[in-house]
Amino acid sequence: MSQQPLGEAFKHAADGIIYPLLHERNFKIEVGFGIAAVILGLFFSIDLTQWAVIAVCVGLVLSGECVNTSLEAVVDLASPEYHELAKRAKDCAAGGVLISSFASLFVAAFIFLPKIIDFIL
């Protein structure tokens, strides 16, 4: 089996980002939080280490949501009727995204809350 050209591989990967951006409510919400983190980072002039941590958090949440979306599609294809194992697979994938979202929220609070408090006071 031959590999697809690199440009084609990138196009398919981009399609895998564009689909949830256009069709998945949670992905749109998570992108919004990522944009908010960037705006706050610019406003408060966070350092390079903090930028790296924010970038990793945003990347993990969005990539987790892409994996969740793909798993849901595969489960729906394999099990069009309700099945308890299909539900468990989908719930666990969604739970993984929720865990990374809460961890990212904690990181954002750790980075931004002291800066917000200093700004207000």
PDB file of N, CA and C in Angstrom:
ATOM      1  N   MET A   1       0.839  -1.170   0.000  1.00  0.00           N
ATOM      2  CA  MET A   1       0.000   0.000   0.000  1.00  0.00           C
ATOM      3  C   MET A   1       0.889   1.241   0.000  1.00  0.00           C
ATOM      4  N   SER A   2       0.707   2.114  -0.973  1.00  0.00           N
ATOM      5  CA  SER A   2       1.536   3.309  -1.057  1.00  0.00           C
ATOM      6  C   SER A   2       0.940   4.429  -0.209  1.00  0.00           C
ATOM      7  N   GLN A   3       1.801   5.307   0.230  1.00  0.00           N
ATOM      8  CA  GLN A   3       1.349   6.438   1.044  1.00  0.00           C
ATOM      9  C   GLN A   3       0.790   7.536   0.153  1.00  0.00           C
ATOM     10  N   GLN A   4      -0.151   8.261   0.679  1.00  0.00           N
ATOM     11  CA  GLN A   4      -0.702   9.401  -0.054  1.00  0.00           C
ATOM     12  C   GLN A   4       0.304  10.539  -0.050  1.00  0.00           C
ATOM     13  N   PRO A   5       0.242  11.412  -1.040  1.00  0.00           N
ATOM     14  CA  PRO A   5       1.148  12.566  -1.049  1.00  0.00           C
ATOM     15  C   PRO A   5       0.957  13.413   0.213  1.00  0.00           C
ATOM     16  N   LEU A   6       2.027  14.053   0.640  1.00  0.00           N
ATOM     17  CA  LEU A   6       2.010  14.826   1.878  1.00  0.00           C
ATOM     18  C   LEU A   6       0.961  15.932   1.841  1.00  0.00           C
ATOM     19  N   GLY A   7       0.837  16.617   0.717  1.00  0.00           N
ATOM     20  CA  GLY A   7      -0.159  17.680   0.599  1.00  0.00           C
ATOM     21  C   GLY A   7      -1.564  17.156   0.787  1.00  0.00           C
ATOM     22  N   GLU A   8      -1.833  15.971   0.255  1.00  0.00           N
ATOM     23  CA  GLU A   8      -3.153  15.354   0.410  1.00  0.00           C
ATOM     24  C   GLU A   8      -3.402  14.975   1.867  1.00  0.00           C
ATOM     25  N   ALA A   9      -2.361  14.486   2.531  1.00  0.00           N
ATOM     26  CA  ALA A   9      -2.491  14.126   3.946  1.00  0.00           C
ATOM     27  C   ALA A   9      -2.834  15.361   4.784  1.00  0.00           C
ATOM     28  N   PHE A  10      -2.180  16.484   4.498  1.00  0.00           N
ATOM     29  CA  PHE A  10      -2.483  17.715   5.218  1.00  0.00           C
ATOM     30  C   PHE A  10      -3.901  18.197   4.926  1.00  0.00           C
ATOM     31  N   LYS A  11      -4.370  18.013   3.691  1.00  0.00           N
ATOM     32  CA  LYS A  11      -5.733  18.416   3.348  1.00  0.00           C
ATOM     33  C   LYS A  11      -6.744  17.602   4.150  1.00  0.00           C
ATOM     34  N   HIS A  12      -6.511  16.299   4.254  1.00  0.00           N
ATOM     35  CA  HIS A  12      -7.421  15.459   5.036  1.00  0.00           C
ATOM     36  C   HIS A  12      -7.395  15.863   6.509  1.00  0.00           C
ATOM     37  N   ALA A  13      -6.208  16.175   7.027  1.00  0.00           N
ATOM     38  CA  ALA A  13      -6.113  16.615   8.421  1.00  0.00           C
ATOM     39  C   ALA A  13      -6.846  17.945   8.616  1.00  0.00           C
ATOM     40  N   ALA A  14      -6.705  18.850   7.661  1.00  0.00           N
ATOM     41  CA  ALA A  14      -7.416  20.130   7.748  1.00  0.00           C
ATOM     42  C   ALA A  14      -8.927  19.900   7.708  1.00  0.00           C
ATOM     43  N   ASP A  15      -9.376  18.968   6.856  1.00  0.00           N
ATOM     44  CA  ASP A  15     -10.805  18.626   6.821  1.00  0.00           C
ATOM     45  C   ASP A  15     -11.276  18.126   8.185  1.00  0.00           C
ATOM     46  N   GLY A  16     -10.390  17.396   8.882  1.00  0.00           N
ATOM     47  CA  GLY A  16     -10.720  16.887  10.210  1.00  0.00           C
ATOM     48  C   GLY A  16     -10.799  17.964  11.271  1.00  0.00           C
ATOM     49  N   ILE A  17     -10.269  19.133  10.993  1.00  0.00           N
ATOM     50  CA  ILE A  17     -10.393  20.280  11.894  1.00  0.00           C
ATOM     51  C   ILE A  17     -11.594  21.129  11.486  1.00  0.00           C
ATOM     52  N   ILE A  18     -11.776  21.288  10.190  1.00  0.00           N
ATOM     53  CA  ILE A  18     -12.864  22.130   9.687  1.00  0.00           C
ATOM     54  C   ILE A  18     -14.227  21.519  10.015  1.00  0.00           C
ATOM     55  N   TYR A  19     -14.352  20.193   9.904  1.00  0.00           N
ATOM     56  CA  TYR A  19     -15.653  19.565  10.176  1.00  0.00           C
ATOM     57  C   TYR A  19     -16.167  19.896  11.576  1.00  0.00           C
ATOM     58  N   PRO A  20     -15.398  19.627  12.637  1.00  0.00           N
ATOM     59  CA  PRO A  20     -15.947  19.968  13.969  1.00  0.00           C
ATOM     60  C   PRO A  20     -16.119  21.473  14.162  1.00  0.00           C
ATOM     61  N   LEU A  21     -15.280  22.273  13.515  1.00  0.00           N
ATOM     62  CA  LEU A  21     -15.427  23.719  13.638  1.00  0.00           C
ATOM     63  C   LEU A  21     -16.768  24.181  13.065  1.00  0.00           C
ATOM     64  N   LEU A  22     -17.223  23.538  12.008  1.00  0.00           N
ATOM     65  CA  LEU A  22     -18.489  23.912  11.378  1.00  0.00           C
ATOM     66  C   LEU A  22     -19.700  23.217  11.985  1.00  0.00           C
ATOM     67  N   HIS A  23     -19.505  22.015  12.564  1.00  0.00           N
ATOM     68  CA  HIS A  23     -20.649  21.181  12.934  1.00  0.00           C
ATOM     69  C   HIS A  23     -20.762  20.822  14.414  1.00  0.00           C
ATOM     70  N   GLU A  24     -19.721  21.033  15.189  1.00  0.00           N
ATOM     71  CA  GLU A  24     -19.750  20.586  16.588  1.00  0.00           C
ATOM     72  C   GLU A  24     -19.811  21.783  17.531  1.00  0.00           C
ATOM     73  N   ARG A  25     -20.919  21.911  18.249  1.00  0.00           N
ATOM     74  CA  ARG A  25     -21.118  23.027  19.178  1.00  0.00           C
ATOM     75  C   ARG A  25     -19.993  23.118  20.203  1.00  0.00           C
ATOM     76  N   ASN A  26     -19.621  21.995  20.806  1.00  0.00           N
ATOM     77  CA  ASN A  26     -18.603  22.025  21.858  1.00  0.00           C
ATOM     78  C   ASN A  26     -17.254  22.490  21.318  1.00  0.00           C
ATOM     79  N   PHE A  27     -16.917  22.084  20.094  1.00  0.00           N
ATOM     80  CA  PHE A  27     -15.661  22.512  19.491  1.00  0.00           C
ATOM     81  C   PHE A  27     -15.652  24.036  19.343  1.00  0.00           C
ATOM     82  N   LYS A  28     -16.778  24.585  18.905  1.00  0.00           N
ATOM     83  CA  LYS A  28     -16.871  26.045  18.756  1.00  0.00           C
ATOM     84  C   LYS A  28     -16.703  26.743  20.101  1.00  0.00           C
ATOM     85  N   ILE A  29     -17.313  26.199  21.131  1.00  0.00           N
ATOM     86  CA  ILE A  29     -17.179  26.771  22.477  1.00  0.00           C
ATOM     87  C   ILE A  29     -15.721  26.711  22.929  1.00  0.00           C
ATOM     88  N   GLU A  30     -15.081  25.574  22.695  1.00  0.00           N
ATOM     89  CA  GLU A  30     -13.689  25.404  23.116  1.00  0.00           C
ATOM     90  C   GLU A  30     -12.757  26.330  22.332  1.00  0.00           C
ATOM     91  N   VAL A  31     -13.027  26.534  21.050  1.00  0.00           N
ATOM     92  CA  VAL A  31     -12.249  27.505  20.273  1.00  0.00           C
ATOM     93  C   VAL A  31     -12.434  28.901  20.874  1.00  0.00           C
ATOM     94  N   GLY A  32     -13.669  29.219  21.272  1.00  0.00           N
ATOM     95  CA  GLY A  32     -13.932  30.513  21.900  1.00  0.00           C
ATOM     96  C   GLY A  32     -13.123  30.707  23.170  1.00  0.00           C
ATOM     97  N   PHE A  33     -13.049  29.670  23.997  1.00  0.00           N
ATOM     98  CA  PHE A  33     -12.234  29.768  25.207  1.00  0.00           C
ATOM     99  C   PHE A  33     -10.760  29.898  24.867  1.00  0.00           C
ATOM    100  N   GLY A  34     -10.319  29.204  23.817  1.00  0.00           N
ATOM    101  CA  GLY A  34      -8.927  29.334  23.384  1.00  0.00           C
ATOM    102  C   GLY A  34      -8.615  30.749  22.933  1.00  0.00           C
ATOM    103  N   ILE A  35      -9.525  31.337  22.180  1.00  0.00           N
ATOM    104  CA  ILE A  35      -9.345  32.726  21.733  1.00  0.00           C
ATOM    105  C   ILE A  35      -9.328  33.666  22.936  1.00  0.00           C
ATOM    106  N   ALA A  36     -10.216  33.416  23.899  1.00  0.00           N
ATOM    107  CA  ALA A  36     -10.235  34.241  25.117  1.00  0.00           C
ATOM    108  C   ALA A  36      -8.902  34.144  25.858  1.00  0.00           C
ATOM    109  N   ALA A  37      -8.329  32.938  25.912  1.00  0.00           N
ATOM    110  CA  ALA A  37      -7.031  32.771  26.581  1.00  0.00           C
ATOM    111  C   ALA A  37      -5.941  33.547  25.851  1.00  0.00           C
ATOM    112  N   VAL A  38      -5.982  33.544  24.526  1.00  0.00           N
ATOM    113  CA  VAL A  38      -5.000  34.310  23.755  1.00  0.00           C
ATOM    114  C   VAL A  38      -5.168  35.808  24.005  1.00  0.00           C
ATOM    115  N   ILE A  39      -6.390  36.274  24.009  1.00  0.00           N
ATOM    116  CA  ILE A  39      -6.643  37.702  24.265  1.00  0.00           C
ATOM    117  C   ILE A  39      -6.150  38.088  25.656  1.00  0.00           C
ATOM    118  N   LEU A  40      -6.480  37.263  26.658  1.00  0.00           N
ATOM    119  CA  LEU A  40      -5.992  37.543  28.014  1.00  0.00           C
ATOM    120  C   LEU A  40      -4.466  37.502  28.074  1.00  0.00           C
ATOM    121  N   GLY A  41      -3.869  36.545  27.379  1.00  0.00           N
ATOM    122  CA  GLY A  41      -2.411  36.450  27.354  1.00  0.00           C
ATOM    123  C   GLY A  41      -1.765  37.681  26.754  1.00  0.00           C
ATOM    124  N   LEU A  42      -2.349  38.180  25.675  1.00  0.00           N
ATOM    125  CA  LEU A  42      -1.831  39.407  25.061  1.00  0.00           C
ATOM    126  C   LEU A  42      -2.031  40.606  25.997  1.00  0.00           C
ATOM    127  N   PHE A  43      -3.212  40.695  26.590  1.00  0.00           N
ATOM    128  CA  PHE A  43      -3.525  41.815  27.478  1.00  0.00           C
ATOM    129  C   PHE A  43      -2.588  41.859  28.675  1.00  0.00           C
ATOM    130  N   PHE A  44      -2.323  40.690  29.261  1.00  0.00           N
ATOM    131  CA  PHE A  44      -1.498  40.640  30.467  1.00  0.00           C
ATOM    132  C   PHE A  44      -0.021  40.359  30.179  1.00  0.00           C
ATOM    133  N   SER A  45       0.350  40.281  28.912  1.00  0.00           N
ATOM    134  CA  SER A  45       1.755  40.061  28.519  1.00  0.00           C
ATOM    135  C   SER A  45       2.372  38.876  29.257  1.00  0.00           C
ATOM    136  N   ILE A  46       1.729  37.722  29.145  1.00  0.00           N
ATOM    137  CA  ILE A  46       2.252  36.543  29.830  1.00  0.00           C
ATOM    138  C   ILE A  46       3.602  36.148  29.218  1.00  0.00           C
ATOM    139  N   ASP A  47       4.399  35.427  30.004  1.00  0.00           N
ATOM    140  CA  ASP A  47       5.739  35.055  29.542  1.00  0.00           C
ATOM    141  C   ASP A  47       5.687  33.825  28.624  1.00  0.00           C
ATOM    142  N   LEU A  48       6.828  33.484  28.053  1.00  0.00           N
ATOM    143  CA  LEU A  48       6.881  32.399  27.068  1.00  0.00           C
ATOM    144  C   LEU A  48       6.466  31.052  27.645  1.00  0.00           C
ATOM    145  N   THR A  49       6.843  30.793  28.878  1.00  0.00           N
ATOM    146  CA  THR A  49       6.446  29.532  29.503  1.00  0.00           C
ATOM    147  C   THR A  49       4.932  29.463  29.655  1.00  0.00           C
ATOM    148  N   GLN A  50       4.323  30.552  30.079  1.00  0.00           N
ATOM    149  CA  GLN A  50       2.865  30.589  30.214  1.00  0.00           C
ATOM    150  C   GLN A  50       2.188  30.444  28.851  1.00  0.00           C
ATOM    151  N   TRP A  51       2.756  31.067  27.803  1.00  0.00           N
ATOM    152  CA  TRP A  51       2.210  30.883  26.448  1.00  0.00           C
ATOM    153  C   TRP A  51       2.271  29.413  26.043  1.00  0.00           C
ATOM    154  N   ALA A  52       3.396  28.774  26.355  1.00  0.00           N
ATOM    155  CA  ALA A  52       3.548  27.361  25.991  1.00  0.00           C
ATOM    156  C   ALA A  52       2.504  26.501  26.698  1.00  0.00           C
ATOM    157  N   VAL A  53       2.276  26.765  27.979  1.00  0.00           N
ATOM    158  CA  VAL A  53       1.295  26.001  28.742  1.00  0.00           C
ATOM    159  C   VAL A  53      -0.112  26.233  28.194  1.00  0.00           C
ATOM    160  N   ILE A  54      -0.449  27.476  27.880  1.00  0.00           N
ATOM    161  CA  ILE A  54      -1.762  27.782  27.302  1.00  0.00           C
ATOM    162  C   ILE A  54      -1.917  27.073  25.953  1.00  0.00           C
ATOM    163  N   ALA A  55      -0.877  27.131  25.118  1.00  0.00           N
ATOM    164  CA  ALA A  55      -0.945  26.491  23.801  1.00  0.00           C
ATOM    165  C   ALA A  55      -1.152  24.983  23.926  1.00  0.00           C
ATOM    166  N   VAL A  56      -0.446  24.352  24.860  1.00  0.00           N
ATOM    167  CA  VAL A  56      -0.612  22.911  25.061  1.00  0.00           C
ATOM    168  C   VAL A  56      -2.025  22.594  25.539  1.00  0.00           C
ATOM    169  N   CYS A  57      -2.528  23.384  26.474  1.00  0.00           N
ATOM    170  CA  CYS A  57      -3.885  23.152  26.988  1.00  0.00           C
ATOM    171  C   CYS A  57      -4.929  23.293  25.883  1.00  0.00           C
ATOM    172  N   VAL A  58      -4.848  24.371  25.112  1.00  0.00           N
ATOM    173  CA  VAL A  58      -5.814  24.574  24.026  1.00  0.00           C
ATOM    174  C   VAL A  58      -5.691  23.440  23.011  1.00  0.00           C
ATOM    175  N   GLY A  59      -4.461  23.077  22.669  1.00  0.00           N
ATOM    176  CA  GLY A  59      -4.244  21.993  21.715  1.00  0.00           C
ATOM    177  C   GLY A  59      -4.784  20.666  22.198  1.00  0.00           C
ATOM    178  N   LEU A  60      -4.597  20.372  23.481  1.00  0.00           N
ATOM    179  CA  LEU A  60      -5.099  19.105  24.023  1.00  0.00           C
ATOM    180  C   LEU A  60      -6.622  19.048  24.017  1.00  0.00           C
ATOM    181  N   VAL A  61      -7.252  20.133  24.390  1.00  0.00           N
ATOM    182  CA  VAL A  61      -8.718  20.150  24.409  1.00  0.00           C
ATOM    183  C   VAL A  61      -9.272  20.002  22.990  1.00  0.00           C
ATOM    184  N   LEU A  62      -8.736  20.782  22.052  1.00  0.00           N
ATOM    185  CA  LEU A  62      -9.262  20.725  20.684  1.00  0.00           C
ATOM    186  C   LEU A  62      -8.953  19.392  20.012  1.00  0.00           C
ATOM    187  N   SER A  63      -7.762  18.852  20.241  1.00  0.00           N
ATOM    188  CA  SER A  63      -7.459  17.548  19.646  1.00  0.00           C
ATOM    189  C   SER A  63      -8.307  16.460  20.294  1.00  0.00           C
ATOM    190  N   GLY A  64      -8.554  16.570  21.598  1.00  0.00           N
ATOM    191  CA  GLY A  64      -9.439  15.616  22.261  1.00  0.00           C
ATOM    192  C   GLY A  64     -10.844  15.659  21.692  1.00  0.00           C
ATOM    193  N   GLU A  65     -11.314  16.868  21.393  1.00  0.00           N
ATOM    194  CA  GLU A  65     -12.652  17.005  20.799  1.00  0.00           C
ATOM    195  C   GLU A  65     -12.697  16.398  19.400  1.00  0.00           C
ATOM    196  N   CYS A  66     -11.609  16.548  18.636  1.00  0.00           N
ATOM    197  CA  CYS A  66     -11.552  15.906  17.310  1.00  0.00           C
ATOM    198  C   CYS A  66     -11.587  14.378  17.444  1.00  0.00           C
ATOM    199  N   VAL A  67     -10.837  13.844  18.390  1.00  0.00           N
ATOM    200  CA  VAL A  67     -10.851  12.395  18.615  1.00  0.00           C
ATOM    201  C   VAL A  67     -12.237  11.949  19.065  1.00  0.00           C
ATOM    202  N   ASN A  68     -12.863  12.703  19.952  1.00  0.00           N
ATOM    203  CA  ASN A  68     -14.208  12.389  20.417  1.00  0.00           C
ATOM    204  C   ASN A  68     -15.190  12.369  19.250  1.00  0.00           C
ATOM    205  N   THR A  69     -15.113  13.372  18.384  1.00  0.00           N
ATOM    206  CA  THR A  69     -16.010  13.442  17.224  1.00  0.00           C
ATOM    207  C   THR A  69     -15.797  12.248  16.306  1.00  0.00           C
ATOM    208  N   SER A  70     -14.539  11.867  16.082  1.00  0.00           N
ATOM    209  CA  SER A  70     -14.271  10.724  15.204  1.00  0.00           C
ATOM    210  C   SER A  70     -14.749   9.424  15.839  1.00  0.00           C
ATOM    211  N   LEU A  71     -14.555   9.271  17.136  1.00  0.00           N
ATOM    212  CA  LEU A  71     -15.022   8.061  17.804  1.00  0.00           C
ATOM    213  C   LEU A  71     -16.538   7.959  17.753  1.00  0.00           C
ATOM    214  N   GLU A  72     -17.224   9.074  17.950  1.00  0.00           N
ATOM    215  CA  GLU A  72     -18.689   9.054  17.864  1.00  0.00           C
ATOM    216  C   GLU A  72     -19.155   8.633  16.472  1.00  0.00           C
ATOM    217  N   ALA A  73     -18.478   9.117  15.434  1.00  0.00           N
ATOM    218  CA  ALA A  73     -18.849   8.749  14.069  1.00  0.00           C
ATOM    219  C   ALA A  73     -18.640   7.256  13.827  1.00  0.00           C
ATOM    220  N   VAL A  74     -17.522   6.728  14.295  1.00  0.00           N
ATOM    221  CA  VAL A  74     -17.235   5.297  14.107  1.00  0.00           C
ATOM    222  C   VAL A  74     -18.231   4.446  14.888  1.00  0.00           C
ATOM    223  N   VAL A  75     -18.532   4.850  16.116  1.00  0.00           N
ATOM    224  CA  VAL A  75     -19.501   4.098  16.919  1.00  0.00           C
ATOM    225  C   VAL A  75     -20.876   4.132  16.260  1.00  0.00           C
ATOM    226  N   ASP A  76     -21.289   5.295  15.751  1.00  0.00           N
ATOM    227  CA  ASP A  76     -22.586   5.386  15.071  1.00  0.00           C
ATOM    228  C   ASP A  76     -22.619   4.516  13.823  1.00  0.00           C
ATOM    229  N   LEU A  77     -21.503   4.432  13.119  1.00  0.00           N
ATOM    230  CA  LEU A  77     -21.424   3.587  11.932  1.00  0.00           C
ATOM    231  C   LEU A  77     -21.507   2.106  12.308  1.00  0.00           C
ATOM    232  N   ALA A  78     -20.777   1.716  13.345  1.00  0.00           N
ATOM    233  CA  ALA A  78     -20.717   0.317  13.749  1.00  0.00           C
ATOM    234  C   ALA A  78     -21.967  -0.128  14.496  1.00  0.00           C
ATOM    235  N   SER A  79     -22.627   0.792  15.178  1.00  0.00           N
ATOM    236  CA  SER A  79     -23.780   0.442  15.999  1.00  0.00           C
ATOM    237  C   SER A  79     -24.883   1.476  15.819  1.00  0.00           C
ATOM    238  N   PRO A  80     -25.576   1.439  14.676  1.00  0.00           N
ATOM    239  CA  PRO A  80     -26.619   2.442  14.435  1.00  0.00           C
ATOM    240  C   PRO A  80     -27.758   2.376  15.460  1.00  0.00           C
ATOM    241  N   GLU A  81     -28.038   1.191  15.978  1.00  0.00           N
ATOM    242  CA  GLU A  81     -29.058   1.067  17.019  1.00  0.00           C
ATOM    243  C   GLU A  81     -28.388   1.280  18.374  1.00  0.00           C
ATOM    244  N   TYR A  82     -29.212   1.609  19.366  1.00  0.00           N
ATOM    245  CA  TYR A  82     -28.687   1.824  20.714  1.00  0.00           C
ATOM    246  C   TYR A  82     -28.052   0.543  21.227  1.00  0.00           C
ATOM    247  N   HIS A  83     -26.881   0.693  21.822  1.00  0.00           N
ATOM    248  CA  HIS A  83     -26.223  -0.421  22.496  1.00  0.00           C
ATOM    249  C   HIS A  83     -25.467   0.158  23.689  1.00  0.00           C
ATOM    250  N   GLU A  84     -25.538  -0.517  24.814  1.00  0.00           N
ATOM    251  CA  GLU A  84     -24.915  -0.024  26.037  1.00  0.00           C
ATOM    252  C   GLU A  84     -23.404   0.188  25.861  1.00  0.00           C
ATOM    253  N   LEU A  85     -22.731  -0.696  25.127  1.00  0.00           N
ATOM    254  CA  LEU A  85     -21.291  -0.519  24.910  1.00  0.00           C
ATOM    255  C   LEU A  85     -20.998   0.690  24.025  1.00  0.00           C
ATOM    256  N   ALA A  86     -21.857   0.955  23.057  1.00  0.00           N
ATOM    257  CA  ALA A  86     -21.696   2.147  22.217  1.00  0.00           C
ATOM    258  C   ALA A  86     -21.841   3.400  23.081  1.00  0.00           C
ATOM    259  N   LYS A  87     -22.832   3.392  23.954  1.00  0.00           N
ATOM    260  CA  LYS A  87     -23.031   4.523  24.865  1.00  0.00           C
ATOM    261  C   LYS A  87     -21.808   4.710  25.750  1.00  0.00           C
ATOM    262  N   ARG A  88     -21.291   3.617  26.280  1.00  0.00           N
ATOM    263  CA  ARG A  88     -20.125   3.702  27.166  1.00  0.00           C
ATOM    264  C   ARG A  88     -18.921   4.286  26.421  1.00  0.00           C
ATOM    265  N   ALA A  89     -18.693   3.850  25.196  1.00  0.00           N
ATOM    266  CA  ALA A  89     -17.564   4.367  24.418  1.00  0.00           C
ATOM    267  C   ALA A  89     -17.702   5.863  24.186  1.00  0.00           C
ATOM    268  N   LYS A  90     -18.904   6.282  23.799  1.00  0.00           N
ATOM    269  CA  LYS A  90     -19.131   7.711  23.536  1.00  0.00           C
ATOM    270  C   LYS A  90     -19.024   8.540  24.818  1.00  0.00           C
ATOM    271  N   ASP A  91     -19.581   8.034  25.900  1.00  0.00           N
ATOM    272  CA  ASP A  91     -19.519   8.749  27.176  1.00  0.00           C
ATOM    273  C   ASP A  91     -18.077   8.883  27.668  1.00  0.00           C
ATOM    274  N   CYS A  92     -17.298   7.816  27.535  1.00  0.00           N
ATOM    275  CA  CYS A  92     -15.903   7.869  27.996  1.00  0.00           C
ATOM    276  C   CYS A  92     -15.089   8.855  27.162  1.00  0.00           C
ATOM    277  N   ALA A  93     -15.318   8.879  25.853  1.00  0.00           N
ATOM    278  CA  ALA A  93     -14.605   9.838  25.004  1.00  0.00           C
ATOM    279  C   ALA A  93     -14.977  11.265  25.385  1.00  0.00           C
ATOM    280  N   ALA A  94     -16.263  11.502  25.602  1.00  0.00           N
ATOM    281  CA  ALA A  94     -16.703  12.837  26.022  1.00  0.00           C
ATOM    282  C   ALA A  94     -16.128  13.181  27.401  1.00  0.00           C
ATOM    283  N   GLY A  95     -16.068  12.197  28.277  1.00  0.00           N
ATOM    284  CA  GLY A  95     -15.487  12.414  29.603  1.00  0.00           C
ATOM    285  C   GLY A  95     -14.015  12.787  29.528  1.00  0.00           C
ATOM    286  N   GLY A  96     -13.302  12.198  28.590  1.00  0.00           N
ATOM    287  CA  GLY A  96     -11.892  12.553  28.404  1.00  0.00           C
ATOM    288  C   GLY A  96     -11.723  14.013  28.023  1.00  0.00           C
ATOM    289  N   VAL A  97     -12.587  14.496  27.149  1.00  0.00           N
ATOM    290  CA  VAL A  97     -12.541  15.906  26.757  1.00  0.00           C
ATOM    291  C   VAL A  97     -12.891  16.787  27.954  1.00  0.00           C
ATOM    292  N   LEU A  98     -13.873  16.362  28.739  1.00  0.00           N
ATOM    293  CA  LEU A  98     -14.254  17.140  29.915  1.00  0.00           C
ATOM    294  C   LEU A  98     -13.103  17.233  30.917  1.00  0.00           C
ATOM    295  N   ILE A  99     -12.396  16.146  31.106  1.00  0.00           N
ATOM    296  CA  ILE A  99     -11.243  16.156  32.017  1.00  0.00           C
ATOM    297  C   ILE A  99     -10.191  17.144  31.530  1.00  0.00           C
ATOM    298  N   SER A 100      -9.852  17.094  30.240  1.00  0.00           N
ATOM    299  CA  SER A 100      -8.833  18.020  29.728  1.00  0.00           C
ATOM    300  C   SER A 100      -9.336  19.463  29.776  1.00  0.00           C
ATOM    301  N   SER A 101     -10.638  19.662  29.596  1.00  0.00           N
ATOM    302  CA  SER A 101     -11.208  21.012  29.684  1.00  0.00           C
ATOM    303  C   SER A 101     -11.103  21.556  31.106  1.00  0.00           C
ATOM    304  N   PHE A 102     -11.450  20.729  32.092  1.00  0.00           N
ATOM    305  CA  PHE A 102     -11.344  21.178  33.489  1.00  0.00           C
ATOM    306  C   PHE A 102      -9.886  21.432  33.874  1.00  0.00           C
ATOM    307  N   ALA A 103      -8.980  20.567  33.427  1.00  0.00           N
ATOM    308  CA  ALA A 103      -7.560  20.777  33.723  1.00  0.00           C
ATOM    309  C   ALA A 103      -7.077  22.082  33.091  1.00  0.00           C
ATOM    310  N   SER A 104      -7.522  22.362  31.876  1.00  0.00           N
ATOM    311  CA  SER A 104      -7.142  23.600  31.194  1.00  0.00           C
ATOM    312  C   SER A 104      -7.723  24.820  31.897  1.00  0.00           C
ATOM    313  N   LEU A 105      -8.944  24.688  32.383  1.00  0.00           N
ATOM    314  CA  LEU A 105      -9.563  25.780  33.129  1.00  0.00           C
ATOM    315  C   LEU A 105      -8.771  26.067  34.406  1.00  0.00           C
ATOM    316  N   PHE A 106      -8.331  25.018  35.079  1.00  0.00           N
ATOM    317  CA  PHE A 106      -7.508  25.171  36.275  1.00  0.00           C
ATOM    318  C   PHE A 106      -6.201  25.891  35.938  1.00  0.00           C
ATOM    319  N   VAL A 107      -5.566  25.480  34.837  1.00  0.00           N
ATOM    320  CA  VAL A 107      -4.316  26.129  34.410  1.00  0.00           C
ATOM    321  C   VAL A 107      -4.560  27.601  34.097  1.00  0.00           C
ATOM    322  N   ALA A 108      -5.641  27.883  33.366  1.00  0.00           N
ATOM    323  CA  ALA A 108      -5.963  29.282  33.036  1.00  0.00           C
ATOM    324  C   ALA A 108      -6.193  30.097  34.300  1.00  0.00           C
ATOM    325  N   ALA A 109      -6.887  29.520  35.273  1.00  0.00           N
ATOM    326  CA  ALA A 109      -7.119  30.229  36.532  1.00  0.00           C
ATOM    327  C   ALA A 109      -5.794  30.484  37.250  1.00  0.00           C
ATOM    328  N   PHE A 110      -4.919  29.514  37.239  1.00  0.00           N
ATOM    329  CA  PHE A 110      -3.620  29.640  37.890  1.00  0.00           C
ATOM    330  C   PHE A 110      -2.797  30.752  37.249  1.00  0.00           C
ATOM    331  N   ILE A 111      -2.873  30.863  35.924  1.00  0.00           N
ATOM    332  CA  ILE A 111      -2.099  31.879  35.210  1.00  0.00           C
ATOM    333  C   ILE A 111      -2.763  33.254  35.287  1.00  0.00           C
ATOM    334  N   PHE A 112      -4.080  33.292  35.063  1.00  0.00           N
ATOM    335  CA  PHE A 112      -4.735  34.591  34.876  1.00  0.00           C
ATOM    336  C   PHE A 112      -5.356  35.203  36.129  1.00  0.00           C
ATOM    337  N   LEU A 113      -5.827  34.411  37.062  1.00  0.00           N
ATOM    338  CA  LEU A 113      -6.485  35.002  38.237  1.00  0.00           C
ATOM    339  C   LEU A 113      -5.595  35.970  39.007  1.00  0.00           C
ATOM    340  N   PRO A 114      -4.334  35.619  39.283  1.00  0.00           N
ATOM    341  CA  PRO A 114      -3.496  36.605  39.990  1.00  0.00           C
ATOM    342  C   PRO A 114      -3.326  37.902  39.194  1.00  0.00           C
ATOM    343  N   LYS A 115      -3.231  37.793  37.882  1.00  0.00           N
ATOM    344  CA  LYS A 115      -3.073  38.977  37.036  1.00  0.00           C
ATOM    345  C   LYS A 115      -4.356  39.811  37.021  1.00  0.00           C
ATOM    346  N   ILE A 116      -5.492  39.136  36.997  1.00  0.00           N
ATOM    347  CA  ILE A 116      -6.783  39.856  37.021  1.00  0.00           C
ATOM    348  C   ILE A 116      -6.965  40.561  38.357  1.00  0.00           C
ATOM    349  N   ILE A 117      -6.627  39.869  39.436  1.00  0.00           N
ATOM    350  CA  ILE A 117      -6.758  40.465  40.778  1.00  0.00           C
ATOM    351  C   ILE A 117      -5.844  41.676  40.903  1.00  0.00           C
ATOM    352  N   ASP A 118      -4.575  41.554  40.443  1.00  0.00           N
ATOM    353  CA  ASP A 118      -3.657  42.693  40.492  1.00  0.00           C
ATOM    354  C   ASP A 118      -4.169  43.856  39.653  1.00  0.00           C
ATOM    355  N   PHE A 119      -4.779  43.549  38.519  1.00  0.00           N
ATOM    356  CA  PHE A 119      -5.298  44.587  37.623  1.00  0.00           C
ATOM    357  C   PHE A 119      -6.458  45.334  38.277  1.00  0.00           C
ATOM    358  N   ILE A 120      -7.342  44.576  38.944  1.00  0.00           N
ATOM    359  CA  ILE A 120      -8.511  45.187  39.585  1.00  0.00           C
ATOM    360  C   ILE A 120      -8.112  46.009  40.800  1.00  0.00           C
ATOM    361  N   LEU A 121      -7.169  45.481  41.567  1.00  0.00           N
ATOM    362  CA  LEU A 121      -6.757  46.183  42.792  1.00  0.00           C
ATOM    363  C   LEU A 121      -5.680  47.153  42.421  1.00  0.00           C
TER     364      LEU A 121
END
